[in-house]
Amino acid sequence: MQLTKRDFLKTLGTASAVAGFGVASPASLSAAASIQRNGKPRLNLSLAAYSFRDFFGTATHAQRKSKDAKAIDMRGFIDYCADHELEGAELTSYYLDQNIEQTELIALKRHAFLRGIAISGTAVGNEFTLPKGEKRDAQIAHVKKWIGNAAIMGAPHVRVFAGGTRGQSLKQAQALCIEALEEVGEYAGKSGIFLGVENHGGIVAEADSLLEIVKATRSAWVGINLDTGNFHTDDVYGDIARCVPYAVNVQLKVEIQPLGAKQRSETDLKRLVKILREGGYQGFVALEYEAAPDPWVAVPEWLDRLKEAIG
């Protein structure tokens, strides 16, 4: 029988109470399926490989050492994260061979360990609102494949998408998404991998629908991959705050664009860090740089600002 978030949390609550850890009682957990964490908030800084999306290529180690070289590979990216004294590196799957061998995944795991870097997660592209059939099955199979790859690398989290309505009603699309999330969530749980549904447009463009989907998904291994730049609503920071209790990973963008704004504005890092801490978040905060300025110049500056904001 599949364990729901609520039953999972009740189990944790009962076990922790016996152990004397002071977790909220099962009765207090019954109203919502949010993640219950012990202790103080902890924000561990990571960097998403997507930040250098225009520069992944086949550069050799010697080329990466050249100050004029722009190309980077995933091992070089791990080195970059280590050189900038980060806790983690998010290895976006787009920049790895889609048919990557297990030996190479293990080699990446070894390289990261020797550089003192945790592989904080990976990210896949998928659509879970397709009607039932071969195309939908292929999407589910693709996510399962990368769950397996994540397990080999020792990555505890995989970012997934929901999808759009595709001519269906919102409720129909939500139901299809929930069904798929439950299937891949059960699969991921067997390897101890968390799945984070990103607020990435479509049926999860706004917090209400995203929260509805995550709360309805019967899996203790499915939560939110909270992208701080993807809400384009009246109250971006308020919507982020509502999602924090369900977040299993945070991807931090350096810009936001509220509803009606003609252009993006700079993220208020101190306000964002305060929201994450007040929401009790513990986990990785991965800078995912998308702004126009050259990431080779801008990313180090933003990492320094983030370190200062986190303290």
C-alpha atoms as a PDB file:
ATOM      1  CA  MET A   1       0.000   0.000   0.000  1.00  0.00           C
ATOM      2  CA  GLN A   2       1.356   3.399  -0.994  1.00  0.00           C
ATOM      3  CA  LEU A   3       2.209   5.700   1.898  1.00  0.00           C
ATOM      4  CA  THR A   4       0.627   9.139   1.693  1.00  0.00           C
ATOM      5  CA  LYS A   5       2.347  12.298   2.835  1.00  0.00           C
ATOM      6  CA  ARG A   6      -0.103  12.531   5.704  1.00  0.00           C
ATOM      7  CA  ASP A   7       0.442   8.940   6.863  1.00  0.00           C
ATOM      8  CA  PHE A   8       4.192   9.335   6.365  1.00  0.00           C
ATOM      9  CA  LEU A   9       4.205  12.440   8.544  1.00  0.00           C
ATOM     10  CA  LYS A  10       2.027  10.756  11.158  1.00  0.00           C
ATOM     11  CA  THR A  11       4.536   7.910  11.284  1.00  0.00           C
ATOM     12  CA  LEU A  12       7.400  10.371  11.683  1.00  0.00           C
ATOM     13  CA  GLY A  13       5.466  12.281  14.316  1.00  0.00           C
ATOM     14  CA  THR A  14       4.755   9.152  16.359  1.00  0.00           C
ATOM     15  CA  ALA A  15       8.312   7.838  16.077  1.00  0.00           C
ATOM     16  CA  SER A  16       9.816  11.203  16.944  1.00  0.00           C
ATOM     17  CA  ALA A  17       7.523  11.650  19.919  1.00  0.00           C
ATOM     18  CA  VAL A  18       8.645   8.294  21.261  1.00  0.00           C
ATOM     19  CA  ALA A  19      12.263   9.354  20.740  1.00  0.00           C
ATOM     20  CA  GLY A  20      11.574  12.647  22.495  1.00  0.00           C
ATOM     21  CA  PHE A  21      12.279  14.944  19.531  1.00  0.00           C
ATOM     22  CA  GLY A  22       9.250  17.160  20.125  1.00  0.00           C
ATOM     23  CA  VAL A  23       7.736  16.930  16.626  1.00  0.00           C
ATOM     24  CA  ALA A  24       4.158  18.128  16.208  1.00  0.00           C
ATOM     25  CA  SER A  25       1.608  15.471  17.077  1.00  0.00           C
ATOM     26  CA  PRO A  26      -0.241  13.527  14.364  1.00  0.00           C
ATOM     27  CA  ALA A  27      -3.422  15.441  15.147  1.00  0.00           C
ATOM     28  CA  SER A  28      -1.778  18.757  14.326  1.00  0.00           C
ATOM     29  CA  LEU A  29      -0.494  17.332  11.018  1.00  0.00           C
ATOM     30  CA  SER A  30      -3.868  16.177   9.754  1.00  0.00           C
ATOM     31  CA  ALA A  31      -4.964  19.520   8.314  1.00  0.00           C
ATOM     32  CA  ALA A  32      -2.239  19.755   5.678  1.00  0.00           C
ATOM     33  CA  ALA A  33       0.460  17.721   3.978  1.00  0.00           C
ATOM     34  CA  SER A  34       3.266  20.218   4.474  1.00  0.00           C
ATOM     35  CA  ILE A  35       6.750  18.983   5.319  1.00  0.00           C
ATOM     36  CA  GLN A  36       7.556  18.982   9.019  1.00  0.00           C
ATOM     37  CA  ARG A  37      11.184  19.696   9.878  1.00  0.00           C
ATOM     38  CA  ASN A  38      12.917  19.684  13.239  1.00  0.00           C
ATOM     39  CA  GLY A  39      15.367  22.362  14.269  1.00  0.00           C
ATOM     40  CA  LYS A  40      16.338  25.736  12.911  1.00  0.00           C
ATOM     41  CA  PRO A  41      16.173  26.741   9.225  1.00  0.00           C
ATOM     42  CA  ARG A  42      19.276  25.813   7.221  1.00  0.00           C
ATOM     43  CA  LEU A  43      20.069  27.193   3.762  1.00  0.00           C
ATOM     44  CA  ASN A  44      22.801  25.339   1.858  1.00  0.00           C
ATOM     45  CA  LEU A  45      24.063  27.176  -1.202  1.00  0.00           C
ATOM     46  CA  SER A  46      24.221  25.367  -4.537  1.00  0.00           C
ATOM     47  CA  LEU A  47      24.438  26.410  -8.185  1.00  0.00           C
ATOM     48  CA  ALA A  48      22.413  25.098 -11.122  1.00  0.00           C
ATOM     49  CA  ALA A  49      24.348  24.073 -14.218  1.00  0.00           C
ATOM     50  CA  TYR A  50      21.571  25.786 -16.172  1.00  0.00           C
ATOM     51  CA  SER A  51      23.256  29.053 -15.194  1.00  0.00           C
ATOM     52  CA  PHE A  52      25.925  28.287 -17.824  1.00  0.00           C
ATOM     53  CA  ARG A  53      23.510  26.821 -20.387  1.00  0.00           C
ATOM     54  CA  ASP A  54      25.144  28.623 -23.321  1.00  0.00           C
ATOM     55  CA  PHE A  55      28.621  27.338 -22.541  1.00  0.00           C
ATOM     56  CA  PHE A  56      28.375  23.577 -22.131  1.00  0.00           C
ATOM     57  CA  GLY A  57      30.407  21.848 -24.798  1.00  0.00           C
ATOM     58  CA  THR A  58      33.350  19.573 -25.313  1.00  0.00           C
ATOM     59  CA  ALA A  59      36.114  21.697 -23.799  1.00  0.00           C
ATOM     60  CA  THR A  60      39.197  19.795 -22.665  1.00  0.00           C
ATOM     61  CA  HIS A  61      40.658  20.248 -19.203  1.00  0.00           C
ATOM     62  CA  ALA A  62      43.447  22.415 -20.692  1.00  0.00           C
ATOM     63  CA  GLN A  63      40.898  24.616 -22.466  1.00  0.00           C
ATOM     64  CA  ARG A  64      38.947  25.118 -19.237  1.00  0.00           C
ATOM     65  CA  LYS A  65      42.106  26.397 -17.583  1.00  0.00           C
ATOM     66  CA  SER A  66      42.504  29.103 -20.214  1.00  0.00           C
ATOM     67  CA  LYS A  67      41.096  32.449 -19.168  1.00  0.00           C
ATOM     68  CA  ASP A  68      39.809  32.924 -22.726  1.00  0.00           C
ATOM     69  CA  ALA A  69      37.932  29.593 -22.836  1.00  0.00           C
ATOM     70  CA  LYS A  70      34.157  29.823 -22.486  1.00  0.00           C
ATOM     71  CA  ALA A  71      33.150  26.191 -22.934  1.00  0.00           C
ATOM     72  CA  ILE A  72      32.567  24.036 -19.842  1.00  0.00           C
ATOM     73  CA  ASP A  73      31.677  20.419 -19.159  1.00  0.00           C
ATOM     74  CA  MET A  74      30.004  18.915 -16.095  1.00  0.00           C
ATOM     75  CA  ARG A  75      33.234  18.045 -14.330  1.00  0.00           C
ATOM     76  CA  GLY A  76      34.439  21.576 -14.931  1.00  0.00           C
ATOM     77  CA  PHE A  77      31.157  22.845 -13.518  1.00  0.00           C
ATOM     78  CA  ILE A  78      31.655  20.797 -10.355  1.00  0.00           C
ATOM     79  CA  ASP A  79      35.147  22.291 -10.099  1.00  0.00           C
ATOM     80  CA  TYR A  80      33.626  25.760 -10.498  1.00  0.00           C
ATOM     81  CA  CYS A  81      31.245  25.128  -7.591  1.00  0.00           C
ATOM     82  CA  ALA A  82      34.095  23.870  -5.419  1.00  0.00           C
ATOM     83  CA  ASP A  83      36.330  26.798  -6.330  1.00  0.00           C
ATOM     84  CA  HIS A  84      33.540  29.169  -5.263  1.00  0.00           C
ATOM     85  CA  GLU A  85      33.159  27.354  -1.924  1.00  0.00           C
ATOM     86  CA  LEU A  86      29.595  26.142  -2.428  1.00  0.00           C
ATOM     87  CA  GLU A  87      27.966  23.238  -0.624  1.00  0.00           C
ATOM     88  CA  GLY A  88      26.350  21.760  -3.714  1.00  0.00           C
ATOM     89  CA  ALA A  89      26.083  21.552  -7.487  1.00  0.00           C
ATOM     90  CA  GLU A  90      22.836  20.954  -9.382  1.00  0.00           C
ATOM     91  CA  LEU A  91      23.673  18.891 -12.472  1.00  0.00           C
ATOM     92  CA  THR A  92      20.937  19.808 -14.954  1.00  0.00           C
ATOM     93  CA  SER A  93      20.278  16.705 -17.060  1.00  0.00           C
ATOM     94  CA  TYR A  94      20.063  18.703 -20.311  1.00  0.00           C
ATOM     95  CA  TYR A  95      23.849  19.030 -20.357  1.00  0.00           C
ATOM     96  CA  LEU A  96      24.587  15.366 -19.815  1.00  0.00           C
ATOM     97  CA  ASP A  97      24.410  12.704 -22.494  1.00  0.00           C
ATOM     98  CA  GLN A  98      20.811  11.450 -22.429  1.00  0.00           C
ATOM     99  CA  ASN A  99      22.200   7.932 -22.846  1.00  0.00           C
ATOM    100  CA  ILE A 100      24.952   8.453 -20.279  1.00  0.00           C
ATOM    101  CA  GLU A 101      26.499   5.246 -18.976  1.00  0.00           C
ATOM    102  CA  GLN A 102      26.401   4.267 -15.324  1.00  0.00           C
ATOM    103  CA  THR A 103      30.204   4.368 -15.206  1.00  0.00           C
ATOM    104  CA  GLU A 104      30.219   8.068 -16.134  1.00  0.00           C
ATOM    105  CA  LEU A 105      27.545   8.876 -13.545  1.00  0.00           C
ATOM    106  CA  ILE A 106      29.685   7.149 -10.926  1.00  0.00           C
ATOM    107  CA  ALA A 107      32.725   9.070 -12.169  1.00  0.00           C
ATOM    108  CA  LEU A 108      30.839  12.356 -11.665  1.00  0.00           C
ATOM    109  CA  LYS A 109      29.837  11.243  -8.173  1.00  0.00           C
ATOM    110  CA  ARG A 110      33.459  10.419  -7.362  1.00  0.00           C
ATOM    111  CA  HIS A 111      34.721  13.705  -8.786  1.00  0.00           C
ATOM    112  CA  ALA A 112      32.185  15.707  -6.760  1.00  0.00           C
ATOM    113  CA  PHE A 113      33.030  13.843  -3.557  1.00  0.00           C
ATOM    114  CA  LEU A 114      36.751  14.433  -3.992  1.00  0.00           C
ATOM    115  CA  ARG A 115      36.078  18.157  -4.480  1.00  0.00           C
ATOM    116  CA  GLY A 116      33.898  18.248  -1.351  1.00  0.00           C
ATOM    117  CA  ILE A 117      30.727  18.982  -3.324  1.00  0.00           C
ATOM    118  CA  ALA A 118      27.320  17.414  -2.776  1.00  0.00           C
ATOM    119  CA  ILE A 119      25.350  16.788  -5.960  1.00  0.00           C
ATOM    120  CA  SER A 120      22.256  18.591  -4.734  1.00  0.00           C
ATOM    121  CA  GLY A 121      20.014  17.326  -7.523  1.00  0.00           C
ATOM    122  CA  THR A 122      19.297  17.228 -11.201  1.00  0.00           C
ATOM    123  CA  ALA A 123      16.496  18.597 -13.381  1.00  0.00           C
ATOM    124  CA  VAL A 124      14.528  17.063 -16.235  1.00  0.00           C
ATOM    125  CA  GLY A 125      12.110  18.368 -18.837  1.00  0.00           C
ATOM    126  CA  ASN A 126       8.766  16.577 -19.021  1.00  0.00           C
ATOM    127  CA  GLU A 127       5.017  17.038 -19.458  1.00  0.00           C
ATOM    128  CA  PHE A 128       2.581  15.131 -17.255  1.00  0.00           C
ATOM    129  CA  THR A 129      -0.675  16.511 -18.660  1.00  0.00           C
ATOM    130  CA  LEU A 130      -0.597  14.548 -21.908  1.00  0.00           C
ATOM    131  CA  PRO A 131      -3.599  12.254 -22.487  1.00  0.00           C
ATOM    132  CA  LYS A 132      -3.042   8.594 -21.759  1.00  0.00           C
ATOM    133  CA  GLY A 133      -1.088   6.846 -24.475  1.00  0.00           C
ATOM    134  CA  GLU A 134       2.428   6.269 -25.798  1.00  0.00           C
ATOM    135  CA  LYS A 135       3.553   9.897 -25.572  1.00  0.00           C
ATOM    136  CA  ARG A 136       2.525  10.144 -21.936  1.00  0.00           C
ATOM    137  CA  ASP A 137       4.132   6.788 -21.151  1.00  0.00           C
ATOM    138  CA  ALA A 138       7.363   8.064 -22.714  1.00  0.00           C
ATOM    139  CA  GLN A 139       7.335  11.130 -20.460  1.00  0.00           C
ATOM    140  CA  ILE A 140       6.896   8.993 -17.364  1.00  0.00           C
ATOM    141  CA  ALA A 141       9.633   6.612 -18.527  1.00  0.00           C
ATOM    142  CA  HIS A 142      11.988   9.558 -19.107  1.00  0.00           C
ATOM    143  CA  VAL A 143      11.490  10.842 -15.563  1.00  0.00           C
ATOM    144  CA  LYS A 144      11.967   7.344 -14.114  1.00  0.00           C
ATOM    145  CA  LYS A 145      15.191   7.009 -16.094  1.00  0.00           C
ATOM    146  CA  TRP A 146      16.577  10.177 -14.535  1.00  0.00           C
ATOM    147  CA  ILE A 147      15.409   9.140 -11.093  1.00  0.00           C
ATOM    148  CA  GLY A 148      17.615   6.096 -11.596  1.00  0.00           C
ATOM    149  CA  ASN A 149      20.473   8.276 -12.812  1.00  0.00           C
ATOM    150  CA  ALA A 150      20.052  10.554  -9.796  1.00  0.00           C
ATOM    151  CA  ALA A 151      20.251   7.573  -7.474  1.00  0.00           C
ATOM    152  CA  ILE A 152      23.510   6.440  -9.095  1.00  0.00           C
ATOM    153  CA  MET A 153      25.006   9.940  -8.740  1.00  0.00           C
ATOM    154  CA  GLY A 154      23.826  10.241  -5.149  1.00  0.00           C
ATOM    155  CA  ALA A 155      21.574  13.199  -5.994  1.00  0.00           C
ATOM    156  CA  PRO A 156      18.623  13.351  -3.549  1.00  0.00           C
ATOM    157  CA  HIS A 157      16.323  15.493  -5.714  1.00  0.00           C
ATOM    158  CA  VAL A 158      14.959  15.651  -9.255  1.00  0.00           C
ATOM    159  CA  ARG A 159      13.158  18.742 -10.562  1.00  0.00           C
ATOM    160  CA  VAL A 160      10.100  17.894 -12.687  1.00  0.00           C
ATOM    161  CA  PHE A 161       7.515  19.895 -14.605  1.00  0.00           C
ATOM    162  CA  ALA A 162       3.731  19.590 -14.646  1.00  0.00           C
ATOM    163  CA  GLY A 163       2.597  20.757 -18.093  1.00  0.00           C
ATOM    164  CA  GLY A 164      -0.169  22.811 -19.665  1.00  0.00           C
ATOM    165  CA  THR A 165      -3.880  22.204 -20.082  1.00  0.00           C
ATOM    166  CA  ARG A 166      -3.544  21.133 -23.732  1.00  0.00           C
ATOM    167  CA  GLY A 167      -7.178  21.986 -24.475  1.00  0.00           C
ATOM    168  CA  GLN A 168      -8.463  20.237 -21.360  1.00  0.00           C
ATOM    169  CA  SER A 169     -10.089  21.775 -18.336  1.00  0.00           C
ATOM    170  CA  LEU A 170      -7.785  22.684 -15.468  1.00  0.00           C
ATOM    171  CA  LYS A 171      -9.252  19.882 -13.350  1.00  0.00           C
ATOM    172  CA  GLN A 172      -8.660  17.298 -16.066  1.00  0.00           C
ATOM    173  CA  ALA A 173      -5.060  18.433 -16.513  1.00  0.00           C
ATOM    174  CA  GLN A 174      -4.488  18.454 -12.760  1.00  0.00           C
ATOM    175  CA  ALA A 175      -5.840  14.915 -12.455  1.00  0.00           C
ATOM    176  CA  LEU A 176      -3.496  13.638 -15.159  1.00  0.00           C
ATOM    177  CA  CYS A 177      -0.551  15.369 -13.518  1.00  0.00           C
ATOM    178  CA  ILE A 178      -1.382  14.019 -10.060  1.00  0.00           C
ATOM    179  CA  GLU A 179      -1.703  10.491 -11.408  1.00  0.00           C
ATOM    180  CA  ALA A 180       1.707  10.702 -13.064  1.00  0.00           C
ATOM    181  CA  LEU A 181       3.308  12.258  -9.987  1.00  0.00           C
ATOM    182  CA  GLU A 182       1.998   9.451  -7.819  1.00  0.00           C
ATOM    183  CA  GLU A 183       3.462   6.846 -10.175  1.00  0.00           C
ATOM    184  CA  VAL A 184       6.900   8.444 -10.417  1.00  0.00           C
ATOM    185  CA  GLY A 185       6.781   9.373  -6.729  1.00  0.00           C
ATOM    186  CA  GLU A 186       6.329   5.748  -5.754  1.00  0.00           C
ATOM    187  CA  TYR A 187       9.215   4.827  -8.056  1.00  0.00           C
ATOM    188  CA  ALA A 188      11.439   7.592  -6.655  1.00  0.00           C
ATOM    189  CA  GLY A 189      10.676   6.700  -3.065  1.00  0.00           C
ATOM    190  CA  LYS A 190      12.158   3.243  -3.534  1.00  0.00           C
ATOM    191  CA  SER A 191      15.525   4.943  -4.076  1.00  0.00           C
ATOM    192  CA  GLY A 192      15.012   7.706  -1.518  1.00  0.00           C
ATOM    193  CA  ILE A 193      14.765  10.417  -4.186  1.00  0.00           C
ATOM    194  CA  PHE A 194      12.566  13.490  -3.756  1.00  0.00           C
ATOM    195  CA  LEU A 195      10.716  14.987  -6.709  1.00  0.00           C
ATOM    196  CA  GLY A 196      10.049  18.722  -6.809  1.00  0.00           C
ATOM    197  CA  VAL A 197       7.292  20.055  -9.064  1.00  0.00           C
ATOM    198  CA  GLU A 198       8.429  23.443 -10.315  1.00  0.00           C
ATOM    199  CA  ASN A 199       6.136  26.460 -10.585  1.00  0.00           C
ATOM    200  CA  HIS A 200       6.943  26.576 -14.290  1.00  0.00           C
ATOM    201  CA  GLY A 201       3.927  28.019 -16.101  1.00  0.00           C
ATOM    202  CA  GLY A 202       1.058  25.909 -17.414  1.00  0.00           C
ATOM    203  CA  ILE A 203      -1.179  24.485 -14.717  1.00  0.00           C
ATOM    204  CA  VAL A 204       1.291  25.519 -11.988  1.00  0.00           C
ATOM    205  CA  ALA A 205       1.818  29.117 -13.059  1.00  0.00           C
ATOM    206  CA  GLU A 206       0.028  30.259  -9.897  1.00  0.00           C
ATOM    207  CA  ALA A 207       0.426  29.088  -6.323  1.00  0.00           C
ATOM    208  CA  ASP A 208      -3.176  27.952  -5.823  1.00  0.00           C
ATOM    209  CA  SER A 209      -3.066  25.245  -8.497  1.00  0.00           C
ATOM    210  CA  LEU A 210       0.483  24.174  -7.606  1.00  0.00           C
ATOM    211  CA  LEU A 211      -0.435  23.734  -3.948  1.00  0.00           C
ATOM    212  CA  GLU A 212      -3.645  21.930  -4.853  1.00  0.00           C
ATOM    213  CA  ILE A 213      -1.712  19.425  -6.964  1.00  0.00           C
ATOM    214  CA  VAL A 214       1.040  18.794  -4.406  1.00  0.00           C
ATOM    215  CA  LYS A 215      -1.415  18.415  -1.525  1.00  0.00           C
ATOM    216  CA  ALA A 216      -3.516  15.952  -3.529  1.00  0.00           C
ATOM    217  CA  THR A 217      -0.569  13.823  -4.649  1.00  0.00           C
ATOM    218  CA  ARG A 218      -0.393  10.675  -2.534  1.00  0.00           C
ATOM    219  CA  SER A 219       3.350  10.431  -2.149  1.00  0.00           C
ATOM    220  CA  ALA A 220       5.687  11.349   0.672  1.00  0.00           C
ATOM    221  CA  TRP A 221       8.398  11.923  -1.942  1.00  0.00           C
ATOM    222  CA  VAL A 222       6.724  14.689  -3.975  1.00  0.00           C
ATOM    223  CA  GLY A 223       6.987  18.345  -3.036  1.00  0.00           C
ATOM    224  CA  ILE A 224       7.681  21.701  -4.662  1.00  0.00           C
ATOM    225  CA  ASN A 225      10.779  22.811  -6.509  1.00  0.00           C
ATOM    226  CA  LEU A 226      10.313  26.470  -5.642  1.00  0.00           C
ATOM    227  CA  ASP A 227      11.592  28.731  -8.410  1.00  0.00           C
ATOM    228  CA  THR A 228      11.632  32.253  -6.994  1.00  0.00           C
ATOM    229  CA  GLY A 229      11.472  33.920 -10.417  1.00  0.00           C
ATOM    230  CA  ASN A 230       8.585  32.033 -11.976  1.00  0.00           C
ATOM    231  CA  PHE A 231       5.550  33.545 -10.275  1.00  0.00           C
ATOM    232  CA  HIS A 232       4.211  36.510 -12.271  1.00  0.00           C
ATOM    233  CA  THR A 233       1.402  37.390  -9.894  1.00  0.00           C
ATOM    234  CA  ASP A 234       0.220  40.371  -7.847  1.00  0.00           C
ATOM    235  CA  ASP A 235       2.117  39.166  -4.787  1.00  0.00           C
ATOM    236  CA  VAL A 236       5.213  37.236  -5.859  1.00  0.00           C
ATOM    237  CA  TYR A 237       6.840  37.147  -2.416  1.00  0.00           C
ATOM    238  CA  GLY A 238       3.551  36.202  -0.761  1.00  0.00           C
ATOM    239  CA  ASP A 239       3.102  33.289  -3.168  1.00  0.00           C
ATOM    240  CA  ILE A 240       6.670  32.142  -2.525  1.00  0.00           C
ATOM    241  CA  ALA A 241       5.968  32.201   1.217  1.00  0.00           C
ATOM    242  CA  ARG A 242       2.847  30.047   0.769  1.00  0.00           C
ATOM    243  CA  CYS A 243       4.892  27.397  -1.037  1.00  0.00           C
ATOM    244  CA  VAL A 244       7.889  27.237   1.297  1.00  0.00           C
ATOM    245  CA  PRO A 245       6.295  24.679   3.686  1.00  0.00           C
ATOM    246  CA  TYR A 246       6.020  22.241   0.755  1.00  0.00           C
ATOM    247  CA  ALA A 247       9.426  22.961  -0.809  1.00  0.00           C
ATOM    248  CA  VAL A 248      11.988  20.183  -1.198  1.00  0.00           C
ATOM    249  CA  ASN A 249      14.362  22.368  -3.230  1.00  0.00           C
ATOM    250  CA  VAL A 250      14.708  26.077  -4.001  1.00  0.00           C
ATOM    251  CA  GLN A 251      15.998  27.518  -7.265  1.00  0.00           C
ATOM    252  CA  LEU A 252      16.782  31.171  -6.713  1.00  0.00           C
ATOM    253  CA  LYS A 253      16.531  33.628  -9.587  1.00  0.00           C
ATOM    254  CA  VAL A 254      18.122  37.069  -9.411  1.00  0.00           C
ATOM    255  CA  GLU A 255      15.081  38.770 -10.962  1.00  0.00           C
ATOM    256  CA  ILE A 256      11.305  38.770 -10.523  1.00  0.00           C
ATOM    257  CA  GLN A 257       8.481  40.183 -12.645  1.00  0.00           C
ATOM    258  CA  PRO A 258       5.165  40.724 -10.843  1.00  0.00           C
ATOM    259  CA  LEU A 259       1.892  40.893 -12.738  1.00  0.00           C
ATOM    260  CA  GLY A 260       1.619  44.116 -14.738  1.00  0.00           C
ATOM    261  CA  ALA A 261       5.312  44.968 -14.509  1.00  0.00           C
ATOM    262  CA  LYS A 262       6.769  45.907 -17.890  1.00  0.00           C
ATOM    263  CA  GLN A 263      10.187  44.536 -17.047  1.00  0.00           C
ATOM    264  CA  ARG A 264      11.978  42.412 -14.513  1.00  0.00           C
ATOM    265  CA  SER A 265      13.346  43.845 -11.300  1.00  0.00           C
ATOM    266  CA  GLU A 266      16.126  42.689  -9.026  1.00  0.00           C
ATOM    267  CA  THR A 267      15.252  40.074  -6.409  1.00  0.00           C
ATOM    268  CA  ASP A 268      15.290  41.308  -2.829  1.00  0.00           C
ATOM    269  CA  LEU A 269      17.687  38.701  -1.433  1.00  0.00           C
ATOM    270  CA  LYS A 270      17.316  39.676   2.208  1.00  0.00           C
ATOM    271  CA  ARG A 271      13.526  39.516   1.960  1.00  0.00           C
ATOM    272  CA  LEU A 272      13.696  36.155   0.222  1.00  0.00           C
ATOM    273  CA  VAL A 273      16.077  34.653   2.776  1.00  0.00           C
ATOM    274  CA  LYS A 274      13.785  35.919   5.551  1.00  0.00           C
ATOM    275  CA  ILE A 275      10.790  34.219   3.887  1.00  0.00           C
ATOM    276  CA  LEU A 276      12.652  30.909   3.595  1.00  0.00           C
ATOM    277  CA  ARG A 277      13.743  31.039   7.222  1.00  0.00           C
ATOM    278  CA  GLU A 278      10.313  32.024   8.516  1.00  0.00           C
ATOM    279  CA  GLY A 279       8.895  29.089   6.532  1.00  0.00           C
ATOM    280  CA  GLY A 280      11.300  26.749   8.336  1.00  0.00           C
ATOM    281  CA  TYR A 281      13.064  25.678   5.144  1.00  0.00           C
ATOM    282  CA  GLN A 282      16.056  23.394   5.445  1.00  0.00           C
ATOM    283  CA  GLY A 283      17.849  22.333   2.301  1.00  0.00           C
ATOM    284  CA  PHE A 284      19.563  23.513  -0.823  1.00  0.00           C
ATOM    285  CA  VAL A 285      19.117  26.942  -2.357  1.00  0.00           C
ATOM    286  CA  ALA A 286      20.471  26.698  -5.894  1.00  0.00           C
ATOM    287  CA  LEU A 287      21.258  29.899  -7.752  1.00  0.00           C
ATOM    288  CA  GLU A 288      19.780  29.471 -11.238  1.00  0.00           C
ATOM    289  CA  TYR A 289      21.084  32.441 -13.163  1.00  0.00           C
ATOM    290  CA  GLU A 290      18.958  33.579 -16.138  1.00  0.00           C
ATOM    291  CA  ALA A 291      19.653  37.312 -16.381  1.00  0.00           C
ATOM    292  CA  ALA A 292      21.224  38.933 -19.437  1.00  0.00           C
ATOM    293  CA  PRO A 293      24.728  39.861 -18.171  1.00  0.00           C
ATOM    294  CA  ASP A 294      27.551  37.380 -18.779  1.00  0.00           C
ATOM    295  CA  PRO A 295      27.286  34.599 -16.152  1.00  0.00           C
ATOM    296  CA  TRP A 296      31.076  34.287 -15.962  1.00  0.00           C
ATOM    297  CA  VAL A 297      31.074  37.800 -14.519  1.00  0.00           C
ATOM    298  CA  ALA A 298      27.676  37.962 -12.822  1.00  0.00           C
ATOM    299  CA  VAL A 299      27.413  34.557 -11.134  1.00  0.00           C
ATOM    300  CA  PRO A 300      30.391  35.054  -8.766  1.00  0.00           C
ATOM    301  CA  GLU A 301      28.984  38.452  -7.776  1.00  0.00           C
ATOM    302  CA  TRP A 302      25.558  36.995  -7.032  1.00  0.00           C
ATOM    303  CA  LEU A 303      27.055  34.085  -5.102  1.00  0.00           C
ATOM    304  CA  ASP A 304      28.901  36.566  -2.897  1.00  0.00           C
ATOM    305  CA  ARG A 305      25.690  38.513  -2.344  1.00  0.00           C
ATOM    306  CA  LEU A 306      23.820  35.319  -1.489  1.00  0.00           C
ATOM    307  CA  LYS A 307      26.486  34.240   0.989  1.00  0.00           C
ATOM    308  CA  GLU A 308      26.199  37.632   2.674  1.00  0.00           C
ATOM    309  CA  ALA A 309      22.383  37.457   2.763  1.00  0.00           C
ATOM    310  CA  ILE A 310      22.396  33.948   4.205  1.00  0.00           C
ATOM    311  CA  GLY A 311      25.093  34.873   6.703  1.00  0.00           C
END
